[in-house]
Amino acid sequence: MRCLGSRPQGGEWNVAGDQKEGIGRTRGGTVWGMKCFDSLDLLQRVRGDLQRLTVGITVPVHFVLRESLADLVRKMKFEDRQCFWRELTVDTEGAWGAQSYLNLREFGWNVTCSPDWNCDAINLVTSDRIDSLFRAPPCFVVALQSDLRWYPFAHWYIVQNPKQHDLRKNRIYLPHWPAPFLIPRDHCRDECRNIGLMGIPWIRAAPKSFWDNLARELGMEVVDLWYQKRWHDYSDIDVLVAIRSFDKQTHDRKPPWKLLVAWEARVPLIAGLDSAYMEIGKPGVDYLVAITPQEVRDKLTTLRDNPDVYESIVAQGSQRFSEYTIERTVQRWEEFFQTLIVPDFERWQVAGNQFSKQLRDSLITLRQVGRSCLRLGRSVIRRVITGR
């Protein structure tokens, strides 16, 4: 099967290699990110290798997804996920819920998905889906927190920034899944010219006009990946920029996803002081840091004029990405579920947790009523100020 691309010329397949773990093509030790397969025979060999890495969790695990997404992933084959990369990356429910369901199912986990709760299973759901409830779900809940507002009454939380990891508060850090489909930088490119802007435009450190002017001064060009909806194609991108603000903010609720994408795409990343990047990467080694416009200019000039520095950052990033393949991520999920979540779920089943549920219902009701009163108060004050 082949979709959205073709095998790199002269490339060859690598199945669970000794150094580069995971699925991918290699050229001279380089892992390529395009995960399409040419033969069912090879696919079966790959799947066999993957499933032998973990034994899977036998306790039922249920993902609460919107109906359209649940219907899609239930019918989706693991090898077809790259054809649905948009549905699996466009929002939190796709990136965390649907991808987790597909990947864990492939590794033998006992997983299901639907829009409803399953009281006999561990229920995983994004925080925004349960935040508006007036009653606690009548089941064991693991919230996929992302960078959303905290839902205070889940049993466990899966967070996306290592700084948020805190077992005392039942918060577990698990890294993002690798992109279901990604086209890396063309290995034939021999210049550093195109700057790829990552992230939502209105939460970047500077408007696009700033980047256009800077690129023009340096003899480079800007590609706005957001407006072009290019969250998967980095074939003509030479440098990625993901700076949220020109200051020392660490953005502790944000994930290291952009750095993982840069590593997989084999493109150097210039970022801010995000704690997530600092936790998994090494500034100056596998990515660069800039917190002022002048520092951005200096880093771009360095990458443009020093091929050795450029290649070193790419090589270091590619090596680090081998720690964040699907296989490694599944192993992390299995470790945390076996040692923490499953035992807690089994205790919850035995205890029944009826009193706890009544208390949580009362607290949730008070919380929602309080939020409604706060919104009403703000509306009254706004009308008094504006006279309308």
Protein backbone atom coordinates (compact mmCIF):
# COMPACT_ATOMS: atom_id res chain seq x y z
CA MET A 1 0.00 0.00 0.00
CA ARG A 2 1.21 3.51 -0.75
CA CYS A 3 -0.34 6.83 0.20
CA LEU A 4 0.64 10.51 0.29
CA GLY A 5 4.16 9.96 -0.87
CA SER A 6 6.68 7.47 -2.12
CA ARG A 7 9.84 5.73 -1.00
CA PRO A 8 12.88 8.04 -1.00
CA GLN A 9 15.08 7.24 -3.96
CA GLY A 10 17.69 4.72 -2.91
CA GLY A 11 16.09 4.37 0.54
CA GLU A 12 15.49 1.04 2.18
CA TRP A 13 13.29 -0.29 4.92
CA ASN A 14 14.45 -0.71 8.47
CA VAL A 15 12.48 -3.13 10.67
CA ALA A 16 13.23 -2.76 14.39
CA GLY A 17 16.89 -1.95 13.79
CA ASP A 18 19.50 -2.29 16.52
CA GLN A 19 20.11 1.44 16.88
CA LYS A 20 17.00 3.09 15.47
CA GLU A 21 14.00 1.55 17.15
CA GLY A 22 10.67 1.71 15.41
CA ILE A 23 9.20 1.80 11.95
CA GLY A 24 10.97 3.77 9.27
CA ARG A 25 13.17 3.91 6.23
CA THR A 26 16.89 4.36 6.55
CA ARG A 27 19.52 5.93 4.38
CA GLY A 28 22.98 5.77 5.88
CA GLY A 29 21.55 5.35 9.38
CA THR A 30 18.90 8.07 8.91
CA VAL A 31 15.35 7.26 9.99
CA TRP A 32 12.77 8.60 7.57
CA GLY A 33 9.39 9.59 8.93
CA MET A 34 7.08 8.32 6.15
CA LYS A 35 5.40 5.23 7.51
CA CYS A 36 3.75 3.58 4.50
CA PHE A 37 4.35 -0.07 3.67
CA ASP A 38 4.90 -1.71 0.31
CA SER A 39 3.86 -5.27 1.06
CA LEU A 40 1.56 -7.10 3.42
CA ASP A 41 4.33 -9.60 4.12
CA LEU A 42 6.62 -6.87 5.43
CA LEU A 43 3.76 -5.33 7.38
CA GLN A 44 3.07 -8.61 9.17
CA ARG A 45 6.75 -8.92 10.10
CA VAL A 46 6.79 -5.38 11.46
CA ARG A 47 3.61 -5.90 13.47
CA GLY A 48 5.00 -9.10 14.93
CA ASP A 49 8.18 -7.33 16.01
CA LEU A 50 6.19 -4.51 17.60
CA GLN A 51 3.80 -6.72 19.54
CA ARG A 52 6.63 -8.75 21.02
CA LEU A 53 8.01 -5.62 22.68
CA THR A 54 5.14 -5.44 25.20
CA VAL A 55 2.65 -7.87 26.65
CA GLY A 56 -0.24 -5.41 26.68
CA ILE A 57 -2.65 -4.48 29.47
CA THR A 58 -5.48 -6.98 29.94
CA VAL A 59 -7.63 -4.74 32.16
CA PRO A 60 -10.28 -3.08 29.92
CA VAL A 61 -9.35 0.46 28.89
CA HIS A 62 -12.03 2.63 27.30
CA PHE A 63 -11.54 5.89 25.36
CA VAL A 64 -14.43 8.36 25.43
CA LEU A 65 -14.41 10.01 21.99
CA ARG A 66 -16.94 11.95 19.96
CA GLU A 67 -19.08 9.63 17.90
CA SER A 68 -17.63 10.44 14.46
CA LEU A 69 -14.05 9.96 15.64
CA ALA A 70 -14.87 6.76 17.54
CA ASP A 71 -16.53 5.28 14.45
CA LEU A 72 -13.52 6.20 12.32
CA VAL A 73 -10.80 4.69 14.51
CA ARG A 74 -12.75 1.51 15.31
CA LYS A 75 -12.73 0.68 11.60
CA MET A 76 -9.24 2.02 10.91
CA LYS A 77 -6.35 -0.37 10.40
CA PHE A 78 -3.09 0.49 12.12
CA GLU A 79 -1.25 0.64 8.80
CA ASP A 80 -3.80 3.13 7.42
CA ARG A 81 -3.42 5.76 10.12
CA GLN A 82 -1.04 7.88 8.02
CA CYS A 83 -3.85 8.36 5.51
CA PHE A 84 -5.93 10.00 8.27
CA TRP A 85 -3.16 12.16 9.75
CA ARG A 86 -5.41 15.24 9.82
CA GLU A 87 -8.13 13.57 11.91
CA LEU A 88 -5.46 12.20 14.26
CA THR A 89 -3.67 15.51 14.85
CA VAL A 90 -6.12 18.39 14.35
CA ASP A 91 -7.35 18.53 17.99
CA THR A 92 -6.69 17.15 21.46
CA GLU A 93 -9.19 14.32 21.14
CA GLY A 94 -7.53 13.09 17.96
CA ALA A 95 -3.91 13.60 19.02
CA TRP A 96 -4.32 12.09 22.49
CA GLY A 97 -7.47 9.98 22.47
CA ALA A 98 -7.69 8.46 18.99
CA GLN A 99 -3.96 7.92 18.50
CA SER A 100 -3.66 6.30 21.92
CA TYR A 101 -6.52 3.94 21.10
CA LEU A 102 -4.98 2.90 17.77
CA ASN A 103 -1.44 2.44 19.04
CA LEU A 104 -2.38 0.58 22.21
CA ARG A 105 -4.79 -1.67 20.33
CA GLU A 106 -1.96 -2.61 17.97
CA PHE A 107 0.14 -3.69 20.94
CA GLY A 108 -2.48 -6.04 22.31
CA TRP A 109 -4.17 -3.83 24.89
CA ASN A 110 -7.81 -4.52 25.72
CA VAL A 111 -9.14 -1.17 24.44
CA THR A 112 -12.53 0.08 23.28
CA CYS A 113 -13.90 3.51 22.31
CA SER A 114 -17.30 5.20 22.11
CA PRO A 115 -19.01 8.47 23.13
CA ASP A 116 -20.32 6.79 26.33
CA TRP A 117 -18.75 5.79 29.65
CA ASN A 118 -17.82 2.21 30.45
CA CYS A 119 -18.25 1.62 34.18
CA ASP A 120 -16.35 -1.69 34.02
CA ALA A 121 -13.20 -0.17 32.50
CA ILE A 122 -10.57 2.50 32.99
CA ASN A 123 -12.02 5.49 31.11
CA LEU A 124 -9.66 7.90 29.33
CA VAL A 125 -11.12 11.22 28.22
CA THR A 126 -9.86 14.72 27.40
CA SER A 127 -10.38 17.27 30.16
CA ASP A 128 -12.48 19.60 28.03
CA ARG A 129 -15.07 16.87 27.45
CA ILE A 130 -15.72 16.36 31.18
CA ASP A 131 -15.09 19.91 32.41
CA SER A 132 -18.70 21.01 31.83
CA LEU A 133 -20.33 18.07 33.65
CA PHE A 134 -22.47 18.75 36.75
CA ARG A 135 -22.09 15.15 37.95
CA ALA A 136 -18.99 13.04 38.29
CA PRO A 137 -18.83 10.21 35.74
CA PRO A 138 -19.94 6.96 37.47
CA CYS A 139 -16.65 5.27 36.62
CA PHE A 140 -12.88 5.35 37.00
CA VAL A 141 -11.53 8.33 35.02
CA VAL A 142 -8.07 9.15 33.68
CA ALA A 143 -8.06 12.67 32.24
CA LEU A 144 -5.95 13.44 29.17
CA GLN A 145 -5.00 16.87 30.40
CA SER A 146 -3.16 18.45 27.44
CA ASP A 147 -2.91 22.23 28.06
CA LEU A 148 -6.58 22.48 29.03
CA ARG A 149 -8.13 23.77 32.26
CA TRP A 150 -7.75 21.30 35.13
CA TYR A 151 -10.71 19.05 35.80
CA PRO A 152 -10.24 18.49 39.54
CA PHE A 153 -12.14 15.23 40.07
CA ALA A 154 -10.45 12.65 37.85
CA HIS A 155 -8.66 9.75 39.51
CA TRP A 156 -5.47 10.22 37.47
CA TYR A 157 -4.16 12.75 34.95
CA ILE A 158 -1.89 12.20 31.96
CA VAL A 159 0.04 15.43 31.43
CA GLN A 160 2.15 16.50 28.46
CA ASN A 161 4.92 18.51 30.10
CA PRO A 162 7.54 16.77 32.31
CA LYS A 163 7.35 19.74 34.73
CA GLN A 164 3.73 18.78 35.50
CA HIS A 165 4.63 15.24 36.53
CA ASP A 166 3.69 14.84 40.20
CA LEU A 167 2.67 11.46 41.62
CA ARG A 168 1.49 13.12 44.84
CA LYS A 169 -1.24 14.76 42.74
CA ASN A 170 -1.77 11.67 40.55
CA ARG A 171 -0.23 13.40 37.52
CA ILE A 172 1.77 11.25 35.11
CA TYR A 173 3.87 12.61 32.27
CA LEU A 174 3.66 10.65 29.03
CA PRO A 175 5.17 12.06 25.81
CA HIS A 176 3.18 12.75 22.67
CA TRP A 177 2.87 10.00 20.12
CA PRO A 178 5.01 10.43 17.00
CA ALA A 179 3.17 12.03 14.09
CA PRO A 180 1.09 9.39 12.25
CA PHE A 181 2.50 10.68 8.97
CA LEU A 182 5.41 13.04 8.43
CA ILE A 183 7.48 13.95 5.37
CA PRO A 184 11.01 14.88 6.51
CA ARG A 185 13.28 17.46 4.94
CA ASP A 186 14.49 16.48 1.49
CA HIS A 187 18.00 15.09 1.95
CA CYS A 188 19.01 16.66 -1.38
CA ARG A 189 18.57 20.22 -0.10
CA ASP A 190 21.99 21.84 0.22
CA GLU A 191 21.07 25.33 1.47
CA CYS A 192 19.44 26.87 4.52
CA ARG A 193 16.84 29.17 3.03
CA ASN A 194 13.24 28.40 4.10
CA ILE A 195 12.07 29.27 7.62
CA GLY A 196 9.02 27.32 8.78
CA LEU A 197 6.87 29.14 11.34
CA MET A 198 5.19 26.73 13.75
CA GLY A 199 2.27 27.33 16.07
CA ILE A 200 -0.90 29.41 16.06
CA PRO A 201 -0.18 32.89 14.64
CA TRP A 202 -1.80 34.87 17.47
CA ILE A 203 0.31 33.21 20.19
CA ARG A 204 3.69 33.63 18.50
CA ALA A 205 6.36 35.97 19.79
CA ALA A 206 5.94 38.32 16.80
CA PRO A 207 3.58 38.82 13.85
CA LYS A 208 4.34 37.37 10.44
CA SER A 209 5.46 40.80 9.17
CA PHE A 210 8.38 40.66 11.62
CA TRP A 211 9.49 37.28 10.28
CA ASP A 212 9.06 38.42 6.67
CA ASN A 213 11.28 41.45 7.25
CA LEU A 214 13.89 39.40 9.12
CA ALA A 215 14.00 36.74 6.42
CA ARG A 216 14.33 39.38 3.71
CA GLU A 217 17.34 40.91 5.47
CA LEU A 218 19.00 37.48 5.72
CA GLY A 219 18.21 36.44 2.15
CA MET A 220 15.77 33.78 3.37
CA GLU A 221 12.04 33.08 2.96
CA VAL A 222 9.22 32.41 5.41
CA VAL A 223 6.73 29.54 5.17
CA ASP A 224 3.75 29.89 7.53
CA LEU A 225 2.93 26.25 8.28
CA TRP A 226 -0.28 27.15 10.12
CA TYR A 227 -1.91 29.09 7.30
CA GLN A 228 -0.78 26.52 4.75
CA LYS A 229 -2.09 23.72 7.02
CA ARG A 230 1.22 21.93 6.60
CA TRP A 231 1.45 20.02 9.84
CA HIS A 232 3.01 17.00 8.13
CA ASP A 233 5.16 18.16 5.19
CA TYR A 234 8.63 19.50 5.99
CA SER A 235 10.29 18.48 2.73
CA ASP A 236 11.34 22.03 1.77
CA ILE A 237 11.77 23.48 5.30
CA ASP A 238 15.34 24.25 6.39
CA VAL A 239 14.77 25.82 9.83
CA LEU A 240 11.78 25.61 12.18
CA VAL A 241 10.91 28.47 14.54
CA ALA A 242 8.60 27.93 17.54
CA ILE A 243 8.93 30.90 19.90
CA ARG A 244 5.86 31.77 21.96
CA SER A 245 7.25 34.97 23.49
CA PHE A 246 10.41 37.07 23.56
CA ASP A 247 10.94 36.75 27.31
CA LYS A 248 11.89 34.20 29.93
CA GLN A 249 8.49 32.51 30.30
CA THR A 250 8.78 28.72 30.48
CA HIS A 251 5.18 27.87 29.45
CA ASP A 252 4.94 24.91 31.81
CA ARG A 253 1.59 23.70 30.45
CA LYS A 254 2.82 23.33 26.88
CA PRO A 255 4.20 20.08 25.42
CA PRO A 256 7.53 19.37 23.67
CA TRP A 257 5.64 18.26 20.54
CA LYS A 258 7.25 20.79 18.18
CA LEU A 259 10.72 19.67 19.23
CA LEU A 260 9.80 16.02 18.61
CA VAL A 261 8.48 16.96 15.17
CA ALA A 262 11.70 18.84 14.37
CA TRP A 263 13.79 15.84 15.40
CA GLU A 264 11.71 13.47 13.29
CA ALA A 265 11.68 15.86 10.31
CA ARG A 266 15.46 16.33 10.57
CA VAL A 267 15.14 20.12 10.71
CA PRO A 268 16.86 22.35 13.35
CA LEU A 269 14.46 24.09 15.73
CA ILE A 270 14.86 27.58 17.21
CA ALA A 271 12.64 27.85 20.29
CA GLY A 272 12.11 29.91 23.43
CA LEU A 273 12.70 28.90 27.03
CA ASP A 274 9.83 26.38 27.11
CA SER A 275 10.41 24.02 30.03
CA ALA A 276 9.16 21.05 27.99
CA TYR A 277 12.01 21.51 25.50
CA MET A 278 14.54 21.94 28.28
CA GLU A 279 13.37 18.74 29.98
CA ILE A 280 13.83 16.44 26.99
CA GLY A 281 16.39 18.31 24.87
CA LYS A 282 19.73 20.04 25.25
CA PRO A 283 19.88 23.69 24.12
CA GLY A 284 22.76 24.27 21.75
CA VAL A 285 23.08 20.54 21.09
CA ASP A 286 19.84 19.23 19.57
CA TYR A 287 17.99 22.56 19.24
CA LEU A 288 18.68 26.28 19.64
CA VAL A 289 17.22 28.88 22.02
CA ALA A 290 16.46 32.53 21.26
CA ILE A 291 14.55 34.93 23.54
CA THR A 292 15.17 38.23 21.72
CA PRO A 293 14.86 39.28 18.07
CA GLN A 294 18.63 39.74 17.87
CA GLU A 295 19.22 36.22 19.15
CA VAL A 296 16.87 34.86 16.49
CA ARG A 297 18.85 36.72 13.84
CA ASP A 298 22.12 35.33 15.20
CA LYS A 299 20.84 31.74 15.32
CA LEU A 300 19.46 31.91 11.78
CA THR A 301 22.75 33.32 10.53
CA THR A 302 24.68 30.53 12.27
CA LEU A 303 22.54 27.81 10.70
CA ARG A 304 22.72 29.46 7.28
CA ASP A 305 26.48 29.97 7.26
CA ASN A 306 27.78 26.95 9.22
CA PRO A 307 26.83 23.60 7.66
CA ASP A 308 28.74 21.70 10.34
CA VAL A 309 26.65 23.24 13.10
CA TYR A 310 23.50 22.58 11.11
CA GLU A 311 24.32 18.90 10.54
CA SER A 312 25.37 18.38 14.14
CA ILE A 313 22.04 19.62 15.48
CA VAL A 314 20.15 17.46 12.97
CA ALA A 315 22.19 14.36 13.86
CA GLN A 316 21.77 14.87 17.60
CA GLY A 317 18.03 15.41 17.21
CA SER A 318 17.62 12.31 15.06
CA GLN A 319 19.44 10.26 17.69
CA ARG A 320 17.25 11.63 20.48
CA PHE A 321 14.07 10.91 18.52
CA SER A 322 14.81 7.19 18.72
CA GLU A 323 13.74 7.47 22.38
CA TYR A 324 10.25 8.65 21.39
CA THR A 325 9.08 6.06 18.88
CA ILE A 326 5.69 4.38 19.19
CA GLU A 327 7.34 1.35 20.76
CA ARG A 328 9.10 3.35 23.46
CA THR A 329 5.97 5.36 24.19
CA VAL A 330 3.83 2.22 24.54
CA GLN A 331 6.39 0.87 26.99
CA ARG A 332 6.01 4.03 29.08
CA TRP A 333 2.22 3.68 29.04
CA GLU A 334 2.46 0.05 30.08
CA GLU A 335 4.88 0.80 32.92
CA PHE A 336 2.67 3.47 34.46
CA PHE A 337 -0.56 1.52 34.00
CA GLN A 338 0.84 -1.68 35.49
CA THR A 339 2.47 -0.02 38.49
CA LEU A 340 0.00 2.78 39.31
CA ILE A 341 -3.27 3.04 37.43
CA VAL A 342 -4.39 -0.60 37.20
CA PRO A 343 -3.80 -1.32 40.93
CA ASP A 344 -5.69 1.87 41.82
CA PHE A 345 -8.55 0.89 39.49
CA GLU A 346 -8.78 -2.56 41.08
CA ARG A 347 -8.91 -1.02 44.57
CA TRP A 348 -11.62 1.36 43.37
CA GLN A 349 -13.67 -1.56 42.05
CA VAL A 350 -13.48 -3.42 45.36
CA ALA A 351 -14.30 -0.39 47.51
CA GLY A 352 -17.18 0.68 45.33
CA ASN A 353 -16.26 4.32 46.09
CA GLN A 354 -19.91 5.28 46.68
CA PHE A 355 -19.17 7.90 49.33
CA SER A 356 -16.37 9.29 47.21
CA LYS A 357 -18.72 9.59 44.24
CA GLN A 358 -21.34 11.46 46.29
CA LEU A 359 -18.69 13.85 47.58
CA ARG A 360 -17.33 14.44 44.08
CA ASP A 361 -20.86 15.09 42.75
CA SER A 362 -21.43 17.71 45.43
CA LEU A 363 -18.10 19.40 44.79
CA ILE A 364 -18.64 19.43 41.04
CA THR A 365 -22.11 20.96 41.45
CA LEU A 366 -20.74 23.67 43.74
CA ARG A 367 -17.92 24.34 41.28
CA GLN A 368 -20.23 24.72 38.31
CA VAL A 369 -22.69 26.90 40.23
CA GLY A 370 -19.79 29.08 41.35
CA ARG A 371 -18.58 29.45 37.78
CA SER A 372 -22.10 30.38 36.62
CA CYS A 373 -22.37 33.04 39.33
CA LEU A 374 -18.96 34.41 38.38
CA ARG A 375 -19.98 34.71 34.72
CA LEU A 376 -23.24 36.43 35.73
CA GLY A 377 -21.37 38.87 37.97
CA ARG A 378 -18.96 39.75 35.19
CA SER A 379 -21.86 40.33 32.81
CA VAL A 380 -23.61 42.69 35.29
CA ILE A 381 -20.40 44.66 35.90
CA ARG A 382 -19.79 44.95 32.15
CA ARG A 383 -23.30 46.31 31.60
CA VAL A 384 -22.93 48.85 34.44
CA ILE A 385 -19.62 50.08 33.00
CA THR A 386 -20.80 50.28 29.41
CA GLY A 387 -24.32 51.50 30.26
CA ARG A 388 -25.90 48.75 28.18
